[in-house]
Amino acid sequence: MDAQGIRGQLKVRPYSSDPEALLDAENVWLASTAKSKNQTDAPHQYEVVSTRFHSGSVLLQLEAIEDRDQALQFKGFVVLMSRADFPELDEDTFYWADLIGLEVRNLKGEVLGVIEEVLDN
């Protein structure tokens, strides 16, 4: 995530090629990706004022972030959403987040492991 313009908009690269959920969000949480031992900040919730899709990114205007300097404080943060706010999917279609924690089994039913992460290659 990065700042966009002078009015405090946040430029977000969505994980999905169809960022419908992010464009329709009423609230989001901003979370630091810092791996420091001293990092104890919990994600903070913000009300979404406006959104728009622009050049492959989503521009978010959030309450309480009114200028570029404030927006720059969130550079590198991630945007989190409630799973309940995701759009419904077609049958046999899943969000990546739904796969985390599931067991992986071979055709014999033997457990090979548990999904910990899904990467977009």
PDB file of N, CA and C in Angstrom:
ATOM      1  N   MET A   1       0.852  -1.162   0.000  1.00  0.00           N
ATOM      2  CA  MET A   1       0.000   0.000   0.000  1.00  0.00           C
ATOM      3  C   MET A   1       0.897   1.223   0.000  1.00  0.00           C
ATOM      4  N   ASP A   2       0.422   2.294  -0.637  1.00  0.00           N
ATOM      5  CA  ASP A   2       1.164   3.542  -0.731  1.00  0.00           C
ATOM      6  C   ASP A   2       0.174   4.702  -0.753  1.00  0.00           C
ATOM      7  N   ALA A   3       0.694   5.914  -0.659  1.00  0.00           N
ATOM      8  CA  ALA A   3      -0.147   7.106  -0.752  1.00  0.00           C
ATOM      9  C   ALA A   3      -0.402   7.436  -2.218  1.00  0.00           C
ATOM     10  N   GLN A   4      -1.535   8.090  -2.484  1.00  0.00           N
ATOM     11  CA  GLN A   4      -1.899   8.520  -3.836  1.00  0.00           C
ATOM     12  C   GLN A   4      -2.432   9.942  -3.743  1.00  0.00           C
ATOM     13  N   GLY A   5      -1.818  10.868  -4.431  1.00  0.00           N
ATOM     14  CA  GLY A   5      -2.307  12.234  -4.464  1.00  0.00           C
ATOM     15  C   GLY A   5      -2.085  12.981  -3.161  1.00  0.00           C
ATOM     16  N   ILE A   6      -2.735  14.151  -3.033  1.00  0.00           N
ATOM     17  CA  ILE A   6      -2.523  15.013  -1.863  1.00  0.00           C
ATOM     18  C   ILE A   6      -3.660  14.970  -0.849  1.00  0.00           C
ATOM     19  N   ARG A   7      -4.737  14.261  -1.156  1.00  0.00           N
ATOM     20  CA  ARG A   7      -5.916  14.261  -0.275  1.00  0.00           C
ATOM     21  C   ARG A   7      -5.988  13.055   0.651  1.00  0.00           C
ATOM     22  N   GLY A   8      -4.896  12.296   0.758  1.00  0.00           N
ATOM     23  CA  GLY A   8      -4.863  11.195   1.719  1.00  0.00           C
ATOM     24  C   GLY A   8      -5.397   9.878   1.200  1.00  0.00           C
ATOM     25  N   GLN A   9      -5.534   9.739  -0.109  1.00  0.00           N
ATOM     26  CA  GLN A   9      -5.986   8.452  -0.630  1.00  0.00           C
ATOM     27  C   GLN A   9      -4.875   7.415  -0.494  1.00  0.00           C
ATOM     28  N   LEU A  10      -5.284   6.172  -0.307  1.00  0.00           N
ATOM     29  CA  LEU A  10      -4.362   5.051  -0.230  1.00  0.00           C
ATOM     30  C   LEU A  10      -4.464   4.236  -1.509  1.00  0.00           C
ATOM     31  N   LYS A  11      -3.328   3.901  -2.071  1.00  0.00           N
ATOM     32  CA  LYS A  11      -3.262   3.097  -3.300  1.00  0.00           C
ATOM     33  C   LYS A  11      -2.992   1.657  -2.889  1.00  0.00           C
ATOM     34  N   VAL A  12      -3.939   0.773  -3.193  1.00  0.00           N
ATOM     35  CA  VAL A  12      -3.887  -0.618  -2.742  1.00  0.00           C
ATOM     36  C   VAL A  12      -3.852  -1.539  -3.949  1.00  0.00           C
ATOM     37  N   ARG A  13      -2.906  -2.491  -3.940  1.00  0.00           N
ATOM     38  CA  ARG A  13      -2.861  -3.515  -4.985  1.00  0.00           C
ATOM     39  C   ARG A  13      -3.710  -4.692  -4.513  1.00  0.00           C
ATOM     40  N   PRO A  14      -4.847  -4.926  -5.169  1.00  0.00           N
ATOM     41  CA  PRO A  14      -5.716  -6.028  -4.718  1.00  0.00           C
ATOM     42  C   PRO A  14      -5.122  -7.390  -5.077  1.00  0.00           C
ATOM     43  N   TYR A  15      -5.420  -8.396  -4.275  1.00  0.00           N
ATOM     44  CA  TYR A  15      -4.995  -9.762  -4.560  1.00  0.00           C
ATOM     45  C   TYR A  15      -5.799 -10.366  -5.702  1.00  0.00           C
ATOM     46  N   SER A  16      -6.955  -9.828  -5.963  1.00  0.00           N
ATOM     47  CA  SER A  16      -7.861 -10.371  -6.964  1.00  0.00           C
ATOM     48  C   SER A  16      -7.866  -9.497  -8.211  1.00  0.00           C
ATOM     49  N   SER A  17      -8.051 -10.118  -9.368  1.00  0.00           N
ATOM     50  CA  SER A  17      -8.191  -9.341 -10.600  1.00  0.00           C
ATOM     51  C   SER A  17      -9.562  -8.660 -10.645  1.00  0.00           C
ATOM     52  N   ASP A  18     -10.472  -9.101  -9.776  1.00  0.00           N
ATOM     53  CA  ASP A  18     -11.791  -8.491  -9.663  1.00  0.00           C
ATOM     54  C   ASP A  18     -11.967  -8.016  -8.211  1.00  0.00           C
ATOM     55  N   PRO A  19     -11.573  -6.777  -7.914  1.00  0.00           N
ATOM     56  CA  PRO A  19     -11.568  -6.308  -6.531  1.00  0.00           C
ATOM     57  C   PRO A  19     -12.922  -5.822  -6.026  1.00  0.00           C
ATOM     58  N   GLU A  20     -13.998  -6.499  -6.423  1.00  0.00           N
ATOM     59  CA  GLU A  20     -15.365  -6.091  -6.058  1.00  0.00           C
ATOM     60  C   GLU A  20     -15.525  -5.898  -4.553  1.00  0.00           C
ATOM     61  N   ALA A  21     -14.988  -6.823  -3.765  1.00  0.00           N
ATOM     62  CA  ALA A  21     -15.151  -6.740  -2.309  1.00  0.00           C
ATOM     63  C   ALA A  21     -14.523  -5.467  -1.765  1.00  0.00           C
ATOM     64  N   LEU A  22     -13.347  -5.148  -2.231  1.00  0.00           N
ATOM     65  CA  LEU A  22     -12.660  -3.951  -1.743  1.00  0.00           C
ATOM     66  C   LEU A  22     -13.371  -2.685  -2.198  1.00  0.00           C
ATOM     67  N   LEU A  23     -13.908  -2.702  -3.407  1.00  0.00           N
ATOM     68  CA  LEU A  23     -14.620  -1.526  -3.914  1.00  0.00           C
ATOM     69  C   LEU A  23     -15.936  -1.301  -3.177  1.00  0.00           C
ATOM     70  N   ASP A  24     -16.526  -2.356  -2.623  1.00  0.00           N
ATOM     71  CA  ASP A  24     -17.812  -2.257  -1.942  1.00  0.00           C
ATOM     72  C   ASP A  24     -17.688  -2.201  -0.415  1.00  0.00           C
ATOM     73  N   ALA A  25     -16.469  -2.241   0.100  1.00  0.00           N
ATOM     74  CA  ALA A  25     -16.267  -2.302   1.551  1.00  0.00           C
ATOM     75  C   ALA A  25     -16.763  -1.037   2.251  1.00  0.00           C
ATOM     76  N   GLU A  26     -17.382  -1.227   3.401  1.00  0.00           N
ATOM     77  CA  GLU A  26     -17.805  -0.099   4.235  1.00  0.00           C
ATOM     78  C   GLU A  26     -16.763   0.190   5.311  1.00  0.00           C
ATOM     79  N   ASN A  27     -16.041  -0.848   5.718  1.00  0.00           N
ATOM     80  CA  ASN A  27     -14.989  -0.724   6.729  1.00  0.00           C
ATOM     81  C   ASN A  27     -13.823  -1.614   6.330  1.00  0.00           C
ATOM     82  N   VAL A  28     -12.612  -1.166   6.657  1.00  0.00           N
ATOM     83  CA  VAL A  28     -11.412  -1.979   6.460  1.00  0.00           C
ATOM     84  C   VAL A  28     -10.525  -1.807   7.687  1.00  0.00           C
ATOM     85  N   TRP A  29      -9.562  -2.707   7.829  1.00  0.00           N
ATOM     86  CA  TRP A  29      -8.572  -2.622   8.889  1.00  0.00           C
ATOM     87  C   TRP A  29      -7.214  -2.463   8.229  1.00  0.00           C
ATOM     88  N   LEU A  30      -6.381  -1.587   8.757  1.00  0.00           N
ATOM     89  CA  LEU A  30      -5.019  -1.413   8.277  1.00  0.00           C
ATOM     90  C   LEU A  30      -4.089  -2.075   9.282  1.00  0.00           C
ATOM     91  N   ALA A  31      -3.181  -2.912   8.766  1.00  0.00           N
ATOM     92  CA  ALA A  31      -2.278  -3.654   9.646  1.00  0.00           C
ATOM     93  C   ALA A  31      -0.847  -3.516   9.152  1.00  0.00           C
ATOM     94  N   SER A  32       0.055  -3.336  10.087  1.00  0.00           N
ATOM     95  CA  SER A  32       1.466  -3.262   9.767  1.00  0.00           C
ATOM     96  C   SER A  32       1.978  -4.649   9.403  1.00  0.00           C
ATOM     97  N   THR A  33       2.923  -4.698   8.493  1.00  0.00           N
ATOM     98  CA  THR A  33       3.546  -5.969   8.131  1.00  0.00           C
ATOM     99  C   THR A  33       4.897  -6.124   8.802  1.00  0.00           C
ATOM    100  N   ALA A  34       5.237  -5.208   9.720  1.00  0.00           N
ATOM    101  CA  ALA A  34       6.535  -5.250  10.406  1.00  0.00           C
ATOM    102  C   ALA A  34       6.680  -6.552  11.185  1.00  0.00           C
ATOM    103  N   LYS A  35       7.829  -7.152  11.107  1.00  0.00           N
ATOM    104  CA  LYS A  35       8.091  -8.419  11.798  1.00  0.00           C
ATOM    105  C   LYS A  35       8.908  -8.204  13.074  1.00  0.00           C
ATOM    106  N   SER A  36       9.050  -6.968  13.498  1.00  0.00           N
ATOM    107  CA  SER A  36       9.835  -6.631  14.675  1.00  0.00           C
ATOM    108  C   SER A  36       9.225  -7.229  15.941  1.00  0.00           C
ATOM    109  N   LYS A  37      10.075  -7.618  16.869  1.00  0.00           N
ATOM    110  CA  LYS A  37       9.608  -8.129  18.163  1.00  0.00           C
ATOM    111  C   LYS A  37       8.822  -7.069  18.914  1.00  0.00           C
ATOM    112  N   ASN A  38       9.125  -5.817  18.648  1.00  0.00           N
ATOM    113  CA  ASN A  38       8.461  -4.718  19.348  1.00  0.00           C
ATOM    114  C   ASN A  38       7.125  -4.341  18.711  1.00  0.00           C
ATOM    115  N   GLN A  39       6.781  -4.945  17.586  1.00  0.00           N
ATOM    116  CA  GLN A  39       5.552  -4.600  16.880  1.00  0.00           C
ATOM    117  C   GLN A  39       4.357  -5.245  17.580  1.00  0.00           C
ATOM    118  N   THR A  40       3.600  -4.458  18.311  1.00  0.00           N
ATOM    119  CA  THR A  40       2.448  -4.994  19.034  1.00  0.00           C
ATOM    120  C   THR A  40       1.150  -4.319  18.606  1.00  0.00           C
ATOM    121  N   ASP A  41       1.230  -3.438  17.616  1.00  0.00           N
ATOM    122  CA  ASP A  41       0.033  -2.725  17.177  1.00  0.00           C
ATOM    123  C   ASP A  41      -0.961  -3.680  16.531  1.00  0.00           C
ATOM    124  N   ALA A  42      -2.164  -3.650  17.007  1.00  0.00           N
ATOM    125  CA  ALA A  42      -3.237  -4.441  16.403  1.00  0.00           C
ATOM    126  C   ALA A  42      -3.774  -3.670  15.199  1.00  0.00           C
ATOM    127  N   PRO A  43      -4.370  -4.354  14.233  1.00  0.00           N
ATOM    128  CA  PRO A  43      -4.982  -3.643  13.104  1.00  0.00           C
ATOM    129  C   PRO A  43      -6.002  -2.626  13.603  1.00  0.00           C
ATOM    130  N   HIS A  44      -6.085  -1.505  12.910  1.00  0.00           N
ATOM    131  CA  HIS A  44      -7.017  -0.442  13.290  1.00  0.00           C
ATOM    132  C   HIS A  44      -8.108  -0.323  12.232  1.00  0.00           C
ATOM    133  N   GLN A  45      -9.350  -0.243  12.664  1.00  0.00           N
ATOM    134  CA  GLN A  45     -10.494  -0.171  11.751  1.00  0.00           C
ATOM    135  C   GLN A  45     -10.735   1.261  11.289  1.00  0.00           C
ATOM    136  N   TYR A  46     -11.057   1.389   9.996  1.00  0.00           N
ATOM    137  CA  TYR A  46     -11.389   2.684   9.398  1.00  0.00           C
ATOM    138  C   TYR A  46     -12.668   2.559   8.579  1.00  0.00           C
ATOM    139  N   GLU A  47     -13.460   3.593   8.602  1.00  0.00           N
ATOM    140  CA  GLU A  47     -14.639   3.669   7.737  1.00  0.00           C
ATOM    141  C   GLU A  47     -14.177   4.098   6.348  1.00  0.00           C
ATOM    142  N   VAL A  48     -14.703   3.441   5.326  1.00  0.00           N
ATOM    143  CA  VAL A  48     -14.370   3.778   3.942  1.00  0.00           C
ATOM    144  C   VAL A  48     -15.274   4.914   3.494  1.00  0.00           C
ATOM    145  N   VAL A  49     -14.667   6.011   3.043  1.00  0.00           N
ATOM    146  CA  VAL A  49     -15.401   7.170   2.562  1.00  0.00           C
ATOM    147  C   VAL A  49     -15.700   7.014   1.073  1.00  0.00           C
ATOM    148  N   SER A  50     -14.694   6.579   0.300  1.00  0.00           N
ATOM    149  CA  SER A  50     -14.902   6.360  -1.132  1.00  0.00           C
ATOM    150  C   SER A  50     -13.850   5.398  -1.664  1.00  0.00           C
ATOM    151  N   THR A  51     -14.182   4.769  -2.783  1.00  0.00           N
ATOM    152  CA  THR A  51     -13.261   3.863  -3.461  1.00  0.00           C
ATOM    153  C   THR A  51     -13.398   4.055  -4.956  1.00  0.00           C
ATOM    154  N   ARG A  52     -12.328   3.725  -5.670  1.00  0.00           N
ATOM    155  CA  ARG A  52     -12.413   3.660  -7.127  1.00  0.00           C
ATOM    156  C   ARG A  52     -11.261   2.828  -7.633  1.00  0.00           C
ATOM    157  N   PHE A  53     -11.471   2.224  -8.787  1.00  0.00           N
ATOM    158  CA  PHE A  53     -10.454   1.414  -9.435  1.00  0.00           C
ATOM    159  C   PHE A  53      -9.663   2.322 -10.363  1.00  0.00           C
ATOM    160  N   HIS A  54      -8.314   2.246 -10.308  1.00  0.00           N
ATOM    161  CA  HIS A  54      -7.473   3.118 -11.119  1.00  0.00           C
ATOM    162  C   HIS A  54      -6.171   2.405 -11.478  1.00  0.00           C
ATOM    163  N   SER A  55      -5.968   2.145 -12.757  1.00  0.00           N
ATOM    164  CA  SER A  55      -4.714   1.563 -13.266  1.00  0.00           C
ATOM    165  C   SER A  55      -4.278   0.307 -12.511  1.00  0.00           C
ATOM    166  N   GLY A  56      -5.194  -0.614 -12.284  1.00  0.00           N
ATOM    167  CA  GLY A  56      -4.872  -1.874 -11.634  1.00  0.00           C
ATOM    168  C   GLY A  56      -4.821  -1.818 -10.118  1.00  0.00           C
ATOM    169  N   SER A  57      -5.060  -0.662  -9.548  1.00  0.00           N
ATOM    170  CA  SER A  57      -5.067  -0.507  -8.091  1.00  0.00           C
ATOM    171  C   SER A  57      -6.423   0.016  -7.636  1.00  0.00           C
ATOM    172  N   VAL A  58      -6.689  -0.140  -6.356  1.00  0.00           N
ATOM    173  CA  VAL A  58      -7.885   0.437  -5.762  1.00  0.00           C
ATOM    174  C   VAL A  58      -7.441   1.642  -4.940  1.00  0.00           C
ATOM    175  N   LEU A  59      -8.086   2.775  -5.163  1.00  0.00           N
ATOM    176  CA  LEU A  59      -7.819   3.966  -4.371  1.00  0.00           C
ATOM    177  C   LEU A  59      -8.871   4.056  -3.278  1.00  0.00           C
ATOM    178  N   LEU A  60      -8.408   4.073  -2.042  1.00  0.00           N
ATOM    179  CA  LEU A  60      -9.296   4.144  -0.878  1.00  0.00           C
ATOM    180  C   LEU A  60      -9.168   5.507  -0.223  1.00  0.00           C
ATOM    181  N   GLN A  61     -10.295   6.122   0.069  1.00  0.00           N
ATOM    182  CA  GLN A  61     -10.320   7.307   0.918  1.00  0.00           C
ATOM    183  C   GLN A  61     -10.954   6.875   2.222  1.00  0.00           C
ATOM    184  N   LEU A  62     -10.204   6.967   3.324  1.00  0.00           N
ATOM    185  CA  LEU A  62     -10.682   6.511   4.616  1.00  0.00           C
ATOM    186  C   LEU A  62     -10.891   7.692   5.545  1.00  0.00           C
ATOM    187  N   GLU A  63     -11.875   7.543   6.459  1.00  0.00           N
ATOM    188  CA  GLU A  63     -12.107   8.601   7.438  1.00  0.00           C
ATOM    189  C   GLU A  63     -10.840   8.774   8.258  1.00  0.00           C
ATOM    190  N   ALA A  64     -10.575   9.977   8.665  1.00  0.00           N
ATOM    191  CA  ALA A  64      -9.450  10.343   9.527  1.00  0.00           C
ATOM    192  C   ALA A  64      -8.095  10.353   8.815  1.00  0.00           C
ATOM    193  N   ILE A  65      -8.054  10.048   7.526  1.00  0.00           N
ATOM    194  CA  ILE A  65      -6.812  10.178   6.756  1.00  0.00           C
ATOM    195  C   ILE A  65      -7.094  11.227   5.700  1.00  0.00           C
ATOM    196  N   GLU A  66      -6.611  12.437   5.954  1.00  0.00           N
ATOM    197  CA  GLU A  66      -7.045  13.580   5.150  1.00  0.00           C
ATOM    198  C   GLU A  66      -5.981  14.185   4.250  1.00  0.00           C
ATOM    199  N   ASP A  67      -4.698  13.790   4.406  1.00  0.00           N
ATOM    200  CA  ASP A  67      -3.672  14.356   3.537  1.00  0.00           C
ATOM    201  C   ASP A  67      -2.585  13.322   3.249  1.00  0.00           C
ATOM    202  N   ARG A  68      -1.710  13.674   2.327  1.00  0.00           N
ATOM    203  CA  ARG A  68      -0.670  12.744   1.884  1.00  0.00           C
ATOM    204  C   ARG A  68       0.255  12.315   3.032  1.00  0.00           C
ATOM    205  N   ASP A  69       0.601  13.242   3.914  1.00  0.00           N
ATOM    206  CA  ASP A  69       1.490  12.895   5.031  1.00  0.00           C
ATOM    207  C   ASP A  69       0.875  11.821   5.917  1.00  0.00           C
ATOM    208  N   GLN A  70      -0.417  11.947   6.195  1.00  0.00           N
ATOM    209  CA  GLN A  70      -1.094  10.916   6.996  1.00  0.00           C
ATOM    210  C   GLN A  70      -1.119   9.591   6.235  1.00  0.00           C
ATOM    211  N   ALA A  71      -1.405   9.641   4.940  1.00  0.00           N
ATOM    212  CA  ALA A  71      -1.465   8.416   4.132  1.00  0.00           C
ATOM    213  C   ALA A  71      -0.109   7.721   4.077  1.00  0.00           C
ATOM    214  N   LEU A  72       0.974   8.489   3.986  1.00  0.00           N
ATOM    215  CA  LEU A  72       2.313   7.902   3.905  1.00  0.00           C
ATOM    216  C   LEU A  72       2.682   7.113   5.154  1.00  0.00           C
ATOM    217  N   GLN A  73       2.048   7.395   6.267  1.00  0.00           N
ATOM    218  CA  GLN A  73       2.308   6.632   7.495  1.00  0.00           C
ATOM    219  C   GLN A  73       1.899   5.171   7.346  1.00  0.00           C
ATOM    220  N   PHE A  74       1.051   4.874   6.361  1.00  0.00           N
ATOM    221  CA  PHE A  74       0.547   3.516   6.159  1.00  0.00           C
ATOM    222  C   PHE A  74       1.216   2.802   4.986  1.00  0.00           C
ATOM    223  N   LYS A  75       2.265   3.406   4.430  1.00  0.00           N
ATOM    224  CA  LYS A  75       2.981   2.778   3.322  1.00  0.00           C
ATOM    225  C   LYS A  75       3.485   1.404   3.761  1.00  0.00           C
ATOM    226  N   GLY A  76       3.213   0.390   2.967  1.00  0.00           N
ATOM    227  CA  GLY A  76       3.628  -0.967   3.282  1.00  0.00           C
ATOM    228  C   GLY A  76       2.663  -1.741   4.150  1.00  0.00           C
ATOM    229  N   PHE A  77       1.637  -1.094   4.671  1.00  0.00           N
ATOM    230  CA  PHE A  77       0.625  -1.796   5.469  1.00  0.00           C
ATOM    231  C   PHE A  77      -0.226  -2.672   4.540  1.00  0.00           C
ATOM    232  N   VAL A  78      -0.979  -3.562   5.117  1.00  0.00           N
ATOM    233  CA  VAL A  78      -1.941  -4.362   4.360  1.00  0.00           C
ATOM    234  C   VAL A  78      -3.349  -3.954   4.767  1.00  0.00           C
ATOM    235  N   VAL A  79      -4.288  -4.147   3.844  1.00  0.00           N
ATOM    236  CA  VAL A  79      -5.694  -3.857   4.088  1.00  0.00           C
ATOM    237  C   VAL A  79      -6.390  -5.182   4.369  1.00  0.00           C
ATOM    238  N   LEU A  80      -7.095  -5.243   5.479  1.00  0.00           N
ATOM    239  CA  LEU A  80      -7.847  -6.434   5.858  1.00  0.00           C
ATOM    240  C   LEU A  80      -9.333  -6.129   5.801  1.00  0.00           C
ATOM    241  N   MET A  81     -10.105  -7.160   5.488  1.00  0.00           N
ATOM    242  CA  MET A  81     -11.565  -7.029   5.432  1.00  0.00           C
ATOM    243  C   MET A  81     -12.196  -8.187   6.179  1.00  0.00           C
ATOM    244  N   SER A  82     -13.393  -7.978   6.623  1.00  0.00           N
ATOM    245  CA  SER A  82     -14.157  -9.057   7.231  1.00  0.00           C
ATOM    246  C   SER A  82     -14.535 -10.064   6.152  1.00  0.00           C
ATOM    247  N   ARG A  83     -14.379 -11.341   6.453  1.00  0.00           N
ATOM    248  CA  ARG A  83     -14.750 -12.400   5.493  1.00  0.00           C
ATOM    249  C   ARG A  83     -16.232 -12.300   5.153  1.00  0.00           C
ATOM    250  N   ALA A  84     -17.032 -11.833   6.073  1.00  0.00           N
ATOM    251  CA  ALA A  84     -18.474 -11.691   5.844  1.00  0.00           C
ATOM    252  C   ALA A  84     -18.781 -10.671   4.742  1.00  0.00           C
ATOM    253  N   ASP A  85     -17.840  -9.768   4.458  1.00  0.00           N
ATOM    254  CA  ASP A  85     -18.058  -8.755   3.427  1.00  0.00           C
ATOM    255  C   ASP A  85     -17.646  -9.210   2.031  1.00  0.00           C
ATOM    256  N   PHE A  86     -17.084 -10.403   1.911  1.00  0.00           N
ATOM    257  CA  PHE A  86     -16.694 -10.896   0.587  1.00  0.00           C
ATOM    258  C   PHE A  86     -17.941 -11.250  -0.222  1.00  0.00           C
ATOM    259  N   PRO A  87     -17.925 -11.034  -1.533  1.00  0.00           N
ATOM    260  CA  PRO A  87     -19.065 -11.436  -2.374  1.00  0.00           C
ATOM    261  C   PRO A  87     -19.234 -12.959  -2.388  1.00  0.00           C
ATOM    262  N   GLU A  88     -20.467 -13.399  -2.574  1.00  0.00           N
ATOM    263  CA  GLU A  88     -20.735 -14.829  -2.704  1.00  0.00           C
ATOM    264  C   GLU A  88     -20.066 -15.362  -3.966  1.00  0.00           C
ATOM    265  N   LEU A  89     -19.596 -16.608  -3.903  1.00  0.00           N
ATOM    266  CA  LEU A  89     -18.930 -17.236  -5.041  1.00  0.00           C
ATOM    267  C   LEU A  89     -19.799 -18.311  -5.661  1.00  0.00           C
ATOM    268  N   ASP A  90     -19.473 -18.657  -6.887  1.00  0.00           N
ATOM    269  CA  ASP A  90     -20.128 -19.774  -7.559  1.00  0.00           C
ATOM    270  C   ASP A  90     -19.744 -21.082  -6.867  1.00  0.00           C
ATOM    271  N   GLU A  91     -20.538 -22.110  -7.101  1.00  0.00           N
ATOM    272  CA  GLU A  91     -20.257 -23.426  -6.546  1.00  0.00           C
ATOM    273  C   GLU A  91     -18.881 -23.897  -7.022  1.00  0.00           C
ATOM    274  N   ASP A  92     -18.159 -24.611  -6.164  1.00  0.00           N
ATOM    275  CA  ASP A  92     -16.820 -25.132  -6.451  1.00  0.00           C
ATOM    276  C   ASP A  92     -15.783 -24.038  -6.700  1.00  0.00           C
ATOM    277  N   THR A  93     -16.021 -22.848  -6.167  1.00  0.00           N
ATOM    278  CA  THR A  93     -15.074 -21.740  -6.236  1.00  0.00           C
ATOM    279  C   THR A  93     -14.789 -21.300  -4.815  1.00  0.00           C
ATOM    280  N   PHE A  94     -13.516 -20.984  -4.547  1.00  0.00           N
ATOM    281  CA  PHE A  94     -13.123 -20.683  -3.179  1.00  0.00           C
ATOM    282  C   PHE A  94     -12.231 -19.447  -3.125  1.00  0.00           C
ATOM    283  N   TYR A  95     -12.285 -18.745  -2.019  1.00  0.00           N
ATOM    284  CA  TYR A  95     -11.306 -17.698  -1.747  1.00  0.00           C
ATOM    285  C   TYR A  95     -10.074 -18.363  -1.141  1.00  0.00           C
ATOM    286  N   TRP A  96      -8.918 -17.813  -1.436  1.00  0.00           N
ATOM    287  CA  TRP A  96      -7.681 -18.361  -0.886  1.00  0.00           C
ATOM    288  C   TRP A  96      -7.754 -18.450   0.628  1.00  0.00           C
ATOM    289  N   ALA A  97      -8.307 -17.442   1.268  1.00  0.00           N
ATOM    290  CA  ALA A  97      -8.379 -17.423   2.728  1.00  0.00           C
ATOM    291  C   ALA A  97      -9.137 -18.634   3.265  1.00  0.00           C
ATOM    292  N   ASP A  98     -10.060 -19.172   2.469  1.00  0.00           N
ATOM    293  CA  ASP A  98     -10.838 -20.328   2.900  1.00  0.00           C
ATOM    294  C   ASP A  98     -10.017 -21.617   2.890  1.00  0.00           C
ATOM    295  N   LEU A  99      -8.880 -21.612   2.194  1.00  0.00           N
ATOM    296  CA  LEU A  99      -8.052 -22.811   2.083  1.00  0.00           C
ATOM    297  C   LEU A  99      -7.059 -22.955   3.237  1.00  0.00           C
ATOM    298  N   ILE A 100      -6.696 -21.840   3.853  1.00  0.00           N
ATOM    299  CA  ILE A 100      -5.715 -21.865   4.936  1.00  0.00           C
ATOM    300  C   ILE A 100      -6.242 -22.731   6.082  1.00  0.00           C
ATOM    301  N   GLY A 101      -5.392 -23.654   6.523  1.00  0.00           N
ATOM    302  CA  GLY A 101      -5.756 -24.536   7.629  1.00  0.00           C
ATOM    303  C   GLY A 101      -6.350 -25.870   7.187  1.00  0.00           C
ATOM    304  N   LEU A 102      -6.655 -26.024   5.907  1.00  0.00           N
ATOM    305  CA  LEU A 102      -7.215 -27.291   5.437  1.00  0.00           C
ATOM    306  C   LEU A 102      -6.118 -28.339   5.256  1.00  0.00           C
ATOM    307  N   GLU A 103      -6.470 -29.594   5.485  1.00  0.00           N
ATOM    308  CA  GLU A 103      -5.536 -30.695   5.260  1.00  0.00           C
ATOM    309  C   GLU A 103      -5.408 -30.975   3.771  1.00  0.00           C
ATOM    310  N   VAL A 104      -4.212 -31.358   3.360  1.00  0.00           N
ATOM    311  CA  VAL A 104      -3.952 -31.787   1.984  1.00  0.00           C
ATOM    312  C   VAL A 104      -3.788 -33.301   2.031  1.00  0.00           C
ATOM    313  N   ARG A 105      -4.566 -33.997   1.202  1.00  0.00           N
ATOM    314  CA  ARG A 105      -4.521 -35.460   1.181  1.00  0.00           C
ATOM    315  C   ARG A 105      -4.228 -35.960  -0.236  1.00  0.00           C
ATOM    316  N   ASN A 106      -3.543 -37.085  -0.320  1.00  0.00           N
ATOM    317  CA  ASN A 106      -3.323 -37.700  -1.633  1.00  0.00           C
ATOM    318  C   ASN A 106      -4.537 -38.547  -2.002  1.00  0.00           C
ATOM    319  N   LEU A 107      -4.480 -39.192  -3.144  1.00  0.00           N
ATOM    320  CA  LEU A 107      -5.624 -39.979  -3.614  1.00  0.00           C
ATOM    321  C   LEU A 107      -5.932 -41.173  -2.711  1.00  0.00           C
ATOM    322  N   LYS A 108      -4.979 -41.587  -1.895  1.00  0.00           N
ATOM    323  CA  LYS A 108      -5.197 -42.693  -0.948  1.00  0.00           C
ATOM    324  C   LYS A 108      -5.786 -42.192   0.368  1.00  0.00           C
ATOM    325  N   GLY A 109      -5.977 -40.891   0.485  1.00  0.00           N
ATOM    326  CA  GLY A 109      -6.527 -40.323   1.705  1.00  0.00           C
ATOM    327  C   GLY A 109      -5.496 -40.027   2.783  1.00  0.00           C
ATOM    328  N   GLU A 110      -4.223 -40.205   2.455  1.00  0.00           N
ATOM    329  CA  GLU A 110      -3.159 -39.951   3.428  1.00  0.00           C
ATOM    330  C   GLU A 110      -2.922 -38.441   3.553  1.00  0.00           C
ATOM    331  N   VAL A 111      -2.807 -37.982   4.781  1.00  0.00           N
ATOM    332  CA  VAL A 111      -2.576 -36.556   5.024  1.00  0.00           C
ATOM    333  C   VAL A 111      -1.133 -36.216   4.679  1.00  0.00           C
ATOM    334  N   LEU A 112      -0.961 -35.237   3.789  1.00  0.00           N
ATOM    335  CA  LEU A 112       0.364 -34.792   3.377  1.00  0.00           C
ATOM    336  C   LEU A 112       0.812 -33.550   4.142  1.00  0.00           C
ATOM    337  N   GLY A 113      -0.149 -32.828   4.685  1.00  0.00           N
ATOM    338  CA  GLY A 113       0.182 -31.614   5.422  1.00  0.00           C
ATOM    339  C   GLY A 113      -1.034 -30.713   5.535  1.00  0.00           C
ATOM    340  N   VAL A 114      -0.793 -29.488   5.947  1.00  0.00           N
ATOM    341  CA  VAL A 114      -1.847 -28.491   6.136  1.00  0.00           C
ATOM    342  C   VAL A 114      -1.458 -27.246   5.363  1.00  0.00           C
ATOM    343  N   ILE A 115      -2.404 -26.647   4.691  1.00  0.00           N
ATOM    344  CA  ILE A 115      -2.137 -25.414   3.935  1.00  0.00           C
ATOM    345  C   ILE A 115      -1.892 -24.277   4.918  1.00  0.00           C
ATOM    346  N   GLU A 116      -0.724 -23.663   4.820  1.00  0.00           N
ATOM    347  CA  GLU A 116      -0.364 -22.547   5.686  1.00  0.00           C
ATOM    348  C   GLU A 116      -0.421 -21.222   4.953  1.00  0.00           C
ATOM    349  N   GLU A 117      -0.230 -21.271   3.635  1.00  0.00           N
ATOM    350  CA  GLU A 117      -0.128 -20.045   2.865  1.00  0.00           C
ATOM    351  C   GLU A 117      -0.427 -20.357   1.404  1.00  0.00           C
ATOM    352  N   VAL A 118      -0.978 -19.405   0.693  1.00  0.00           N
ATOM    353  CA  VAL A 118      -1.217 -19.535  -0.738  1.00  0.00           C
ATOM    354  C   VAL A 118      -0.510 -18.367  -1.403  1.00  0.00           C
ATOM    355  N   LEU A 119       0.328 -18.671  -2.387  1.00  0.00           N
ATOM    356  CA  LEU A 119       1.085 -17.641  -3.089  1.00  0.00           C
ATOM    357  C   LEU A 119       0.568 -17.455  -4.499  1.00  0.00           C
ATOM    358  N   ASP A 120       0.600 -16.229  -4.971  1.00  0.00           N
ATOM    359  CA  ASP A 120       0.213 -15.895  -6.332  1.00  0.00           C
ATOM    360  C   ASP A 120       1.473 -15.823  -7.175  1.00  0.00           C
ATOM    361  N   ASN A 121       1.701 -16.851  -7.981  1.00  0.00           N
ATOM    362  CA  ASN A 121       2.891 -16.879  -8.815  1.00  0.00           C
ATOM    363  C   ASN A 121       2.564 -16.429 -10.217  1.00  0.00           C
TER     364      ASN A 121
END
